[in-house]
Amino acid sequence: MANGNLNSQVILTLPAAGQYRVLVTTY
């Protein structure tokens, strides 16, 4: 997310209607 913060964040304005796959994984 930021320097010193290993958590992840995606802020996304969806470009199209439909189903998005969200994969939770590791570095």
mmCIF file of all heavy atoms, coordinates in Angstrom:
data_MODEL
# 
_entry.id   MODEL 
# 
loop_
_atom_site.group_PDB 
_atom_site.id 
_atom_site.type_symbol 
_atom_site.label_atom_id 
_atom_site.label_alt_id 
_atom_site.label_comp_id 
_atom_site.label_asym_id 
_atom_site.label_entity_id 
_atom_site.label_seq_id 
_atom_site.pdbx_PDB_ins_code 
_atom_site.Cartn_x 
_atom_site.Cartn_y 
_atom_site.Cartn_z 
_atom_site.occupancy 
_atom_site.B_iso_or_equiv 
_atom_site.pdbx_formal_charge 
_atom_site.auth_seq_id 
_atom_site.auth_comp_id 
_atom_site.auth_asym_id 
_atom_site.auth_atom_id 
_atom_site.pdbx_PDB_model_num 
ATOM 1   N N   . MET A 1 1  ? 0.829   -1.204  0.000   1.00 0.00 ? 1  MET A N   1 
ATOM 2   C CA  . MET A 1 1  ? 0.000   0.000   0.000   1.00 0.00 ? 1  MET A CA  1 
ATOM 3   C C   . MET A 1 1  ? 0.865   1.257   0.000   1.00 0.00 ? 1  MET A C   1 
ATOM 4   O O   . MET A 1 1  ? 0.536   2.238   -0.657  1.00 0.00 ? 1  MET A O   1 
ATOM 5   C CB  . MET A 1 1  ? -0.929  0.034   1.212   1.00 0.00 ? 1  MET A CB  1 
ATOM 6   C CG  . MET A 1 1  ? -2.043  -0.987  1.148   1.00 0.00 ? 1  MET A CG  1 
ATOM 7   S SD  . MET A 1 1  ? -3.036  -1.042  2.659   1.00 0.00 ? 1  MET A SD  1 
ATOM 8   C CE  . MET A 1 1  ? -3.895  0.506   2.588   1.00 0.00 ? 1  MET A CE  1 
ATOM 9   N N   . ALA A 1 2  ? 1.947   1.235   0.771   1.00 0.00 ? 2  ALA A N   1 
ATOM 10  C CA  . ALA A 1 2  ? 2.834   2.397   0.898   1.00 0.00 ? 2  ALA A CA  1 
ATOM 11  C C   . ALA A 1 2  ? 4.149   1.925   1.502   1.00 0.00 ? 2  ALA A C   1 
ATOM 12  O O   . ALA A 1 2  ? 4.247   0.799   1.996   1.00 0.00 ? 2  ALA A O   1 
ATOM 13  C CB  . ALA A 1 2  ? 2.189   3.450   1.796   1.00 0.00 ? 2  ALA A CB  1 
ATOM 14  N N   . ASN A 1 3  ? 5.155   2.801   1.479   1.00 0.00 ? 3  ASN A N   1 
ATOM 15  C CA  . ASN A 1 3  ? 6.424   2.460   2.127   1.00 0.00 ? 3  ASN A CA  1 
ATOM 16  C C   . ASN A 1 3  ? 6.157   2.094   3.574   1.00 0.00 ? 3  ASN A C   1 
ATOM 17  O O   . ASN A 1 3  ? 5.458   2.813   4.283   1.00 0.00 ? 3  ASN A O   1 
ATOM 18  C CB  . ASN A 1 3  ? 7.398   3.637   2.061   1.00 0.00 ? 3  ASN A CB  1 
ATOM 19  C CG  . ASN A 1 3  ? 8.181   3.661   0.780   1.00 0.00 ? 3  ASN A CG  1 
ATOM 20  O OD1 . ASN A 1 3  ? 8.276   2.653   0.095   1.00 0.00 ? 3  ASN A OD1 1 
ATOM 21  N ND2 . ASN A 1 3  ? 8.748   4.808   0.451   1.00 0.00 ? 3  ASN A ND2 1 
ATOM 22  N N   . GLY A 1 4  ? 6.669   0.969   4.027   1.00 0.00 ? 4  GLY A N   1 
ATOM 23  C CA  . GLY A 1 4  ? 6.506   0.537   5.395   1.00 0.00 ? 4  GLY A CA  1 
ATOM 24  C C   . GLY A 1 4  ? 5.189   -0.175  5.684   1.00 0.00 ? 4  GLY A C   1 
ATOM 25  O O   . GLY A 1 4  ? 4.972   -0.638  6.787   1.00 0.00 ? 4  GLY A O   1 
ATOM 26  N N   . ASN A 1 5  ? 4.294   -0.257  4.701   1.00 0.00 ? 5  ASN A N   1 
ATOM 27  C CA  . ASN A 1 5  ? 3.013   -0.950  4.882   1.00 0.00 ? 5  ASN A CA  1 
ATOM 28  C C   . ASN A 1 5  ? 2.942   -2.064  3.848   1.00 0.00 ? 5  ASN A C   1 
ATOM 29  O O   . ASN A 1 5  ? 2.726   -1.814  2.666   1.00 0.00 ? 5  ASN A O   1 
ATOM 30  C CB  . ASN A 1 5  ? 1.842   0.014   4.709   1.00 0.00 ? 5  ASN A CB  1 
ATOM 31  C CG  . ASN A 1 5  ? 0.500   -0.633  5.000   1.00 0.00 ? 5  ASN A CG  1 
ATOM 32  O OD1 . ASN A 1 5  ? 0.362   -1.858  5.016   1.00 0.00 ? 5  ASN A OD1 1 
ATOM 33  N ND2 . ASN A 1 5  ? -0.504  0.189   5.214   1.00 0.00 ? 5  ASN A ND2 1 
ATOM 34  N N   . LEU A 1 6  ? 3.114   -3.305  4.295   1.00 0.00 ? 6  LEU A N   1 
ATOM 35  C CA  . LEU A 1 6  ? 3.159   -4.432  3.366   1.00 0.00 ? 6  LEU A CA  1 
ATOM 36  C C   . LEU A 1 6  ? 1.783   -4.889  2.896   1.00 0.00 ? 6  LEU A C   1 
ATOM 37  O O   . LEU A 1 6  ? 1.687   -5.718  1.989   1.00 0.00 ? 6  LEU A O   1 
ATOM 38  C CB  . LEU A 1 6  ? 3.890   -5.613  4.017   1.00 0.00 ? 6  LEU A CB  1 
ATOM 39  C CG  . LEU A 1 6  ? 5.353   -5.374  4.387   1.00 0.00 ? 6  LEU A CG  1 
ATOM 40  C CD1 . LEU A 1 6  ? 5.957   -6.638  4.996   1.00 0.00 ? 6  LEU A CD1 1 
ATOM 41  C CD2 . LEU A 1 6  ? 6.161   -4.902  3.194   1.00 0.00 ? 6  LEU A CD2 1 
ATOM 42  N N   . ASN A 1 7  ? 0.693   -4.386  3.505   1.00 0.00 ? 7  ASN A N   1 
ATOM 43  C CA  . ASN A 1 7  ? -0.643  -4.770  3.059   1.00 0.00 ? 7  ASN A CA  1 
ATOM 44  C C   . ASN A 1 7  ? -0.879  -4.253  1.648   1.00 0.00 ? 7  ASN A C   1 
ATOM 45  O O   . ASN A 1 7  ? -0.186  -3.355  1.173   1.00 0.00 ? 7  ASN A O   1 
ATOM 46  C CB  . ASN A 1 7  ? -1.697  -4.248  4.038   1.00 0.00 ? 7  ASN A CB  1 
ATOM 47  C CG  . ASN A 1 7  ? -1.593  -4.933  5.379   1.00 0.00 ? 7  ASN A CG  1 
ATOM 48  O OD1 . ASN A 1 7  ? -1.509  -6.156  5.453   1.00 0.00 ? 7  ASN A OD1 1 
ATOM 49  N ND2 . ASN A 1 7  ? -1.569  -4.156  6.452   1.00 0.00 ? 7  ASN A ND2 1 
ATOM 50  N N   . SER A 1 8  ? -1.836  -4.851  0.955   1.00 0.00 ? 8  SER A N   1 
ATOM 51  C CA  . SER A 1 8  ? -2.091  -4.520  -0.450  1.00 0.00 ? 8  SER A CA  1 
ATOM 52  C C   . SER A 1 8  ? -3.432  -3.824  -0.612  1.00 0.00 ? 8  SER A C   1 
ATOM 53  O O   . SER A 1 8  ? -4.391  -4.150  0.094   1.00 0.00 ? 8  SER A O   1 
ATOM 54  C CB  . SER A 1 8  ? -2.100  -5.796  -1.301  1.00 0.00 ? 8  SER A CB  1 
ATOM 55  O OG  . SER A 1 8  ? -0.852  -6.440  -1.223  1.00 0.00 ? 8  SER A OG  1 
ATOM 56  N N   . GLN A 1 9  ? -3.495  -2.907  -1.580  1.00 0.00 ? 9  GLN A N   1 
ATOM 57  C CA  . GLN A 1 9  ? -4.757  -2.231  -1.868  1.00 0.00 ? 9  GLN A CA  1 
ATOM 58  C C   . GLN A 1 9  ? -4.815  -1.868  -3.350  1.00 0.00 ? 9  GLN A C   1 
ATOM 59  O O   . GLN A 1 9  ? -3.841  -1.376  -3.909  1.00 0.00 ? 9  GLN A O   1 
ATOM 60  C CB  . GLN A 1 9  ? -4.895  -0.972  -1.030  1.00 0.00 ? 9  GLN A CB  1 
ATOM 61  C CG  . GLN A 1 9  ? -6.244  -0.281  -1.189  1.00 0.00 ? 9  GLN A CG  1 
ATOM 62  C CD  . GLN A 1 9  ? -6.388  0.878   -0.230  1.00 0.00 ? 9  GLN A CD  1 
ATOM 63  O OE1 . GLN A 1 9  ? -5.702  1.874   -0.384  1.00 0.00 ? 9  GLN A OE1 1 
ATOM 64  N NE2 . GLN A 1 9  ? -7.252  0.717   0.761   1.00 0.00 ? 9  GLN A NE2 1 
ATOM 65  N N   . VAL A 1 10 ? -5.987  -2.138  -3.954  1.00 0.00 ? 10 VAL A N   1 
ATOM 66  C CA  . VAL A 1 10 ? -6.250  -1.728  -5.329  1.00 0.00 ? 10 VAL A CA  1 
ATOM 67  C C   . VAL A 1 10 ? -7.490  -0.850  -5.309  1.00 0.00 ? 10 VAL A C   1 
ATOM 68  O O   . VAL A 1 10 ? -8.528  -1.260  -4.794  1.00 0.00 ? 10 VAL A O   1 
ATOM 69  C CB  . VAL A 1 10 ? -6.479  -2.953  -6.257  1.00 0.00 ? 10 VAL A CB  1 
ATOM 70  C CG1 . VAL A 1 10 ? -6.991  -2.515  -7.618  1.00 0.00 ? 10 VAL A CG1 1 
ATOM 71  C CG2 . VAL A 1 10 ? -5.205  -3.771  -6.399  1.00 0.00 ? 10 VAL A CG2 1 
ATOM 72  N N   . ILE A 1 11 ? -7.350  0.369   -5.818  1.00 0.00 ? 11 ILE A N   1 
ATOM 73  C CA  . ILE A 1 11 ? -8.493  1.259   -6.016  1.00 0.00 ? 11 ILE A CA  1 
ATOM 74  C C   . ILE A 1 11 ? -8.689  1.322   -7.522  1.00 0.00 ? 11 ILE A C   1 
ATOM 75  O O   . ILE A 1 11 ? -7.800  1.747   -8.257  1.00 0.00 ? 11 ILE A O   1 
ATOM 76  C CB  . ILE A 1 11 ? -8.238  2.657   -5.431  1.00 0.00 ? 11 ILE A CB  1 
ATOM 77  C CG1 . ILE A 1 11 ? -7.949  2.540   -3.936  1.00 0.00 ? 11 ILE A CG1 1 
ATOM 78  C CG2 . ILE A 1 11 ? -9.446  3.570   -5.691  1.00 0.00 ? 11 ILE A CG2 1 
ATOM 79  C CD1 . ILE A 1 11 ? -7.470  3.822   -3.287  1.00 0.00 ? 11 ILE A CD1 1 
ATOM 80  N N   . LEU A 1 12 ? -9.849  0.869   -7.972  1.00 0.00 ? 12 LEU A N   1 
ATOM 81  C CA  . LEU A 1 12 ? -10.058 0.670   -9.400  1.00 0.00 ? 12 LEU A CA  1 
ATOM 82  C C   . LEU A 1 12 ? -11.421 1.190   -9.826  1.00 0.00 ? 12 LEU A C   1 
ATOM 83  O O   . LEU A 1 12 ? -12.435 0.839   -9.227  1.00 0.00 ? 12 LEU A O   1 
ATOM 84  C CB  . LEU A 1 12 ? -9.961  -0.840  -9.695  1.00 0.00 ? 12 LEU A CB  1 
ATOM 85  C CG  . LEU A 1 12 ? -10.111 -1.320  -11.121 1.00 0.00 ? 12 LEU A CG  1 
ATOM 86  C CD1 . LEU A 1 12 ? -8.988  -0.781  -12.003 1.00 0.00 ? 12 LEU A CD1 1 
ATOM 87  C CD2 . LEU A 1 12 ? -10.101 -2.842  -11.159 1.00 0.00 ? 12 LEU A CD2 1 
ATOM 88  N N   . THR A 1 13 ? -11.421 2.041   -10.835 1.00 0.00 ? 13 THR A N   1 
ATOM 89  C CA  . THR A 1 13 ? -12.676 2.400   -11.492 1.00 0.00 ? 13 THR A CA  1 
ATOM 90  C C   . THR A 1 13 ? -12.844 1.380   -12.605 1.00 0.00 ? 13 THR A C   1 
ATOM 91  O O   . THR A 1 13 ? -12.027 1.323   -13.535 1.00 0.00 ? 13 THR A O   1 
ATOM 92  C CB  . THR A 1 13 ? -12.632 3.837   -12.037 1.00 0.00 ? 13 THR A CB  1 
ATOM 93  O OG1 . THR A 1 13 ? -12.420 4.725   -10.928 1.00 0.00 ? 13 THR A OG1 1 
ATOM 94  C CG2 . THR A 1 13 ? -13.938 4.200   -12.735 1.00 0.00 ? 13 THR A CG2 1 
ATOM 95  N N   . LEU A 1 14 ? -13.868 0.554   -12.478 1.00 0.00 ? 14 LEU A N   1 
ATOM 96  C CA  . LEU A 1 14 ? -14.027 -0.576  -13.395 1.00 0.00 ? 14 LEU A CA  1 
ATOM 97  C C   . LEU A 1 14 ? -14.246 -0.074  -14.826 1.00 0.00 ? 14 LEU A C   1 
ATOM 98  O O   . LEU A 1 14 ? -15.145 0.732   -15.076 1.00 0.00 ? 14 LEU A O   1 
ATOM 99  C CB  . LEU A 1 14 ? -15.187 -1.459  -12.949 1.00 0.00 ? 14 LEU A CB  1 
ATOM 100 C CG  . LEU A 1 14 ? -15.095 -1.991  -11.516 1.00 0.00 ? 14 LEU A CG  1 
ATOM 101 C CD1 . LEU A 1 14 ? -16.300 -2.876  -11.194 1.00 0.00 ? 14 LEU A CD1 1 
ATOM 102 C CD2 . LEU A 1 14 ? -13.801 -2.745  -11.281 1.00 0.00 ? 14 LEU A CD2 1 
ATOM 103 N N   . PRO A 1 15 ? -13.432 -0.553  -15.769 1.00 0.00 ? 15 PRO A N   1 
ATOM 104 C CA  . PRO A 1 15 ? -13.532 -0.093  -17.149 1.00 0.00 ? 15 PRO A CA  1 
ATOM 105 C C   . PRO A 1 15 ? -14.698 -0.707  -17.923 1.00 0.00 ? 15 PRO A C   1 
ATOM 106 O O   . PRO A 1 15 ? -15.090 -0.182  -18.959 1.00 0.00 ? 15 PRO A O   1 
ATOM 107 C CB  . PRO A 1 15 ? -12.192 -0.497  -17.772 1.00 0.00 ? 15 PRO A CB  1 
ATOM 108 C CG  . PRO A 1 15 ? -11.737 -1.659  -16.935 1.00 0.00 ? 15 PRO A CG  1 
ATOM 109 C CD  . PRO A 1 15 ? -12.271 -1.422  -15.556 1.00 0.00 ? 15 PRO A CD  1 
ATOM 110 N N   . ALA A 1 16 ? -15.230 -1.818  -17.430 1.00 0.00 ? 16 ALA A N   1 
ATOM 111 C CA  . ALA A 1 16 ? -16.301 -2.511  -18.159 1.00 0.00 ? 16 ALA A CA  1 
ATOM 112 C C   . ALA A 1 16 ? -17.176 -3.269  -17.171 1.00 0.00 ? 16 ALA A C   1 
ATOM 113 O O   . ALA A 1 16 ? -16.730 -3.625  -16.080 1.00 0.00 ? 16 ALA A O   1 
ATOM 114 C CB  . ALA A 1 16 ? -15.703 -3.503  -19.165 1.00 0.00 ? 16 ALA A CB  1 
ATOM 115 N N   . ALA A 1 17 ? -18.403 -3.518  -17.572 1.00 0.00 ? 17 ALA A N   1 
ATOM 116 C CA  . ALA A 1 17 ? -19.292 -4.369  -16.772 1.00 0.00 ? 17 ALA A CA  1 
ATOM 117 C C   . ALA A 1 17 ? -18.843 -5.817  -16.926 1.00 0.00 ? 17 ALA A C   1 
ATOM 118 O O   . ALA A 1 17 ? -18.310 -6.201  -17.970 1.00 0.00 ? 17 ALA A O   1 
ATOM 119 C CB  . ALA A 1 17 ? -20.735 -4.212  -17.233 1.00 0.00 ? 17 ALA A CB  1 
ATOM 120 N N   . GLY A 1 18 ? -19.040 -6.608  -15.900 1.00 0.00 ? 18 GLY A N   1 
ATOM 121 C CA  . GLY A 1 18 ? -18.714 -8.022  -16.002 1.00 0.00 ? 18 GLY A CA  1 
ATOM 122 C C   . GLY A 1 18 ? -18.150 -8.557  -14.715 1.00 0.00 ? 18 GLY A C   1 
ATOM 123 O O   . GLY A 1 18 ? -18.152 -7.897  -13.680 1.00 0.00 ? 18 GLY A O   1 
ATOM 124 N N   . GLN A 1 19 ? -17.655 -9.789  -14.800 1.00 0.00 ? 19 GLN A N   1 
ATOM 125 C CA  . GLN A 1 19 ? -17.095 -10.463 -13.637 1.00 0.00 ? 19 GLN A CA  1 
ATOM 126 C C   . GLN A 1 19 ? -15.590 -10.269 -13.585 1.00 0.00 ? 19 GLN A C   1 
ATOM 127 O O   . GLN A 1 19 ? -14.889 -10.537 -14.556 1.00 0.00 ? 19 GLN A O   1 
ATOM 128 C CB  . GLN A 1 19 ? -17.419 -11.955 -13.673 1.00 0.00 ? 19 GLN A CB  1 
ATOM 129 C CG  . GLN A 1 19 ? -16.923 -12.678 -12.431 1.00 0.00 ? 19 GLN A CG  1 
ATOM 130 C CD  . GLN A 1 19 ? -17.470 -14.075 -12.330 1.00 0.00 ? 19 GLN A CD  1 
ATOM 131 O OE1 . GLN A 1 19 ? -18.635 -14.253 -12.042 1.00 0.00 ? 19 GLN A OE1 1 
ATOM 132 N NE2 . GLN A 1 19 ? -16.624 -15.054 -12.597 1.00 0.00 ? 19 GLN A NE2 1 
ATOM 133 N N   . TYR A 1 20 ? -15.111 -9.810  -12.445 1.00 0.00 ? 20 TYR A N   1 
ATOM 134 C CA  . TYR A 1 20 ? -13.695 -9.618  -12.193 1.00 0.00 ? 20 TYR A CA  1 
ATOM 135 C C   . TYR A 1 20 ? -13.233 -10.710 -11.246 1.00 0.00 ? 20 TYR A C   1 
ATOM 136 O O   . TYR A 1 20 ? -13.948 -11.053 -10.306 1.00 0.00 ? 20 TYR A O   1 
ATOM 137 C CB  . TYR A 1 20 ? -13.442 -8.236  -11.568 1.00 0.00 ? 20 TYR A CB  1 
ATOM 138 C CG  . TYR A 1 20 ? -13.677 -7.104  -12.535 1.00 0.00 ? 20 TYR A CG  1 
ATOM 139 C CD1 . TYR A 1 20 ? -14.967 -6.723  -12.892 1.00 0.00 ? 20 TYR A CD1 1 
ATOM 140 C CD2 . TYR A 1 20 ? -12.612 -6.428  -13.112 1.00 0.00 ? 20 TYR A CD2 1 
ATOM 141 C CE1 . TYR A 1 20 ? -15.188 -5.696  -13.798 1.00 0.00 ? 20 TYR A CE1 1 
ATOM 142 C CE2 . TYR A 1 20 ? -12.821 -5.388  -14.018 1.00 0.00 ? 20 TYR A CE2 1 
ATOM 143 C CZ  . TYR A 1 20 ? -14.107 -5.036  -14.349 1.00 0.00 ? 20 TYR A CZ  1 
ATOM 144 O OH  . TYR A 1 20 ? -14.318 -4.024  -15.249 1.00 0.00 ? 20 TYR A OH  1 
ATOM 145 N N   . ARG A 1 21 ? -12.057 -11.273 -11.480 1.00 0.00 ? 21 ARG A N   1 
ATOM 146 C CA  . ARG A 1 21 ? -11.456 -12.261 -10.588 1.00 0.00 ? 21 ARG A CA  1 
ATOM 147 C C   . ARG A 1 21 ? -10.529 -11.520 -9.638  1.00 0.00 ? 21 ARG A C   1 
ATOM 148 O O   . ARG A 1 21 ? -9.687  -10.734 -10.073 1.00 0.00 ? 21 ARG A O   1 
ATOM 149 C CB  . ARG A 1 21 ? -10.667 -13.290 -11.388 1.00 0.00 ? 21 ARG A CB  1 
ATOM 150 C CG  . ARG A 1 21 ? -11.533 -14.132 -12.307 1.00 0.00 ? 21 ARG A CG  1 
ATOM 151 C CD  . ARG A 1 21 ? -10.711 -15.026 -13.239 1.00 0.00 ? 21 ARG A CD  1 
ATOM 152 N NE  . ARG A 1 21 ? -9.776  -15.870 -12.513 1.00 0.00 ? 21 ARG A NE  1 
ATOM 153 C CZ  . ARG A 1 21 ? -8.583  -16.234 -12.996 1.00 0.00 ? 21 ARG A CZ  1 
ATOM 154 N NH1 . ARG A 1 21 ? -8.177  -15.822 -14.168 1.00 0.00 ? 21 ARG A NH1 1 
ATOM 155 N NH2 . ARG A 1 21 ? -7.801  -17.015 -12.281 1.00 0.00 ? 21 ARG A NH2 1 
ATOM 156 N N   . VAL A 1 22 ? -10.678 -11.756 -8.355  1.00 0.00 ? 22 VAL A N   1 
ATOM 157 C CA  . VAL A 1 22 ? -9.835  -11.130 -7.339  1.00 0.00 ? 22 VAL A CA  1 
ATOM 158 C C   . VAL A 1 22 ? -9.008  -12.243 -6.705  1.00 0.00 ? 22 VAL A C   1 
ATOM 159 O O   . VAL A 1 22 ? -9.561  -13.137 -6.052  1.00 0.00 ? 22 VAL A O   1 
ATOM 160 C CB  . VAL A 1 22 ? -10.689 -10.404 -6.276  1.00 0.00 ? 22 VAL A CB  1 
ATOM 161 C CG1 . VAL A 1 22 ? -9.796  -9.791  -5.204  1.00 0.00 ? 22 VAL A CG1 1 
ATOM 162 C CG2 . VAL A 1 22 ? -11.577 -9.344  -6.937  1.00 0.00 ? 22 VAL A CG2 1 
ATOM 163 N N   . LEU A 1 23 ? -7.698  -12.205 -6.922  1.00 0.00 ? 23 LEU A N   1 
ATOM 164 C CA  . LEU A 1 23 ? -6.816  -13.241 -6.394  1.00 0.00 ? 23 LEU A CA  1 
ATOM 165 C C   . LEU A 1 23 ? -6.071  -12.701 -5.183  1.00 0.00 ? 23 LEU A C   1 
ATOM 166 O O   . LEU A 1 23 ? -5.374  -11.698 -5.266  1.00 0.00 ? 23 LEU A O   1 
ATOM 167 C CB  . LEU A 1 23 ? -5.809  -13.704 -7.452  1.00 0.00 ? 23 LEU A CB  1 
ATOM 168 C CG  . LEU A 1 23 ? -6.376  -14.258 -8.749  1.00 0.00 ? 23 LEU A CG  1 
ATOM 169 C CD1 . LEU A 1 23 ? -5.253  -14.752 -9.654  1.00 0.00 ? 23 LEU A CD1 1 
ATOM 170 C CD2 . LEU A 1 23 ? -7.377  -15.358 -8.493  1.00 0.00 ? 23 LEU A CD2 1 
ATOM 171 N N   . VAL A 1 24 ? -6.258  -13.367 -4.060  1.00 0.00 ? 24 VAL A N   1 
ATOM 172 C CA  . VAL A 1 24 ? -5.537  -13.094 -2.826  1.00 0.00 ? 24 VAL A CA  1 
ATOM 173 C C   . VAL A 1 24 ? -4.346  -14.032 -2.837  1.00 0.00 ? 24 VAL A C   1 
ATOM 174 O O   . VAL A 1 24 ? -4.506  -15.253 -2.893  1.00 0.00 ? 24 VAL A O   1 
ATOM 175 C CB  . VAL A 1 24 ? -6.453  -13.379 -1.612  1.00 0.00 ? 24 VAL A CB  1 
ATOM 176 C CG1 . VAL A 1 24 ? -5.650  -13.399 -0.330  1.00 0.00 ? 24 VAL A CG1 1 
ATOM 177 C CG2 . VAL A 1 24 ? -7.586  -12.365 -1.558  1.00 0.00 ? 24 VAL A CG2 1 
ATOM 178 N N   . THR A 1 25 ? -3.139  -13.459 -2.804  1.00 0.00 ? 25 THR A N   1 
ATOM 179 C CA  . THR A 1 25 ? -1.948  -14.288 -2.873  1.00 0.00 ? 25 THR A CA  1 
ATOM 180 C C   . THR A 1 25 ? -0.836  -13.662 -2.037  1.00 0.00 ? 25 THR A C   1 
ATOM 181 O O   . THR A 1 25 ? -1.097  -12.752 -1.238  1.00 0.00 ? 25 THR A O   1 
ATOM 182 C CB  . THR A 1 25 ? -1.538  -14.542 -4.341  1.00 0.00 ? 25 THR A CB  1 
ATOM 183 O OG1 . THR A 1 25 ? -0.492  -15.512 -4.391  1.00 0.00 ? 25 THR A OG1 1 
ATOM 184 C CG2 . THR A 1 25 ? -1.128  -13.281 -5.067  1.00 0.00 ? 25 THR A CG2 1 
ATOM 185 N N   . THR A 1 26 ? 0.363   -14.157 -2.201  1.00 0.00 ? 26 THR A N   1 
ATOM 186 C CA  . THR A 1 26 ? 1.507   -13.709 -1.417  1.00 0.00 ? 26 THR A CA  1 
ATOM 187 C C   . THR A 1 26 ? 2.594   -13.174 -2.327  1.00 0.00 ? 26 THR A C   1 
ATOM 188 O O   . THR A 1 26 ? 2.661   -13.507 -3.510  1.00 0.00 ? 26 THR A O   1 
ATOM 189 C CB  . THR A 1 26 ? 2.081   -14.875 -0.589  1.00 0.00 ? 26 THR A CB  1 
ATOM 190 O OG1 . THR A 1 26 ? 2.565   -15.883 -1.480  1.00 0.00 ? 26 THR A OG1 1 
ATOM 191 C CG2 . THR A 1 26 ? 1.040   -15.470 0.328   1.00 0.00 ? 26 THR A CG2 1 
ATOM 192 N N   . TYR A 1 27 ? 3.476   -12.373 -1.754  1.00 0.00 ? 27 TYR A N   1 
ATOM 193 C CA  . TYR A 1 27 ? 4.610   -11.848 -2.509  1.00 0.00 ? 27 TYR A CA  1 
ATOM 194 C C   . TYR A 1 27 ? 5.616   -12.948 -2.820  1.00 0.00 ? 27 TYR A C   1 
ATOM 195 O O   . TYR A 1 27 ? 6.233   -12.968 -3.876  1.00 0.00 ? 27 TYR A O   1 
ATOM 196 C CB  . TYR A 1 27 ? 5.270   -10.724 -1.711  1.00 0.00 ? 27 TYR A CB  1 
ATOM 197 C CG  . TYR A 1 27 ? 6.460   -10.117 -2.390  1.00 0.00 ? 27 TYR A CG  1 
ATOM 198 C CD1 . TYR A 1 27 ? 6.309   -9.174  -3.391  1.00 0.00 ? 27 TYR A CD1 1 
ATOM 199 C CD2 . TYR A 1 27 ? 7.751   -10.497 -2.030  1.00 0.00 ? 27 TYR A CD2 1 
ATOM 200 C CE1 . TYR A 1 27 ? 7.411   -8.614  -4.022  1.00 0.00 ? 27 TYR A CE1 1 
ATOM 201 C CE2 . TYR A 1 27 ? 8.854   -9.940  -2.654  1.00 0.00 ? 27 TYR A CE2 1 
ATOM 202 C CZ  . TYR A 1 27 ? 8.675   -9.001  -3.650  1.00 0.00 ? 27 TYR A CZ  1 
ATOM 203 O OH  . TYR A 1 27 ? 9.760   -8.451  -4.283  1.00 0.00 ? 27 TYR A OH  1 
# 
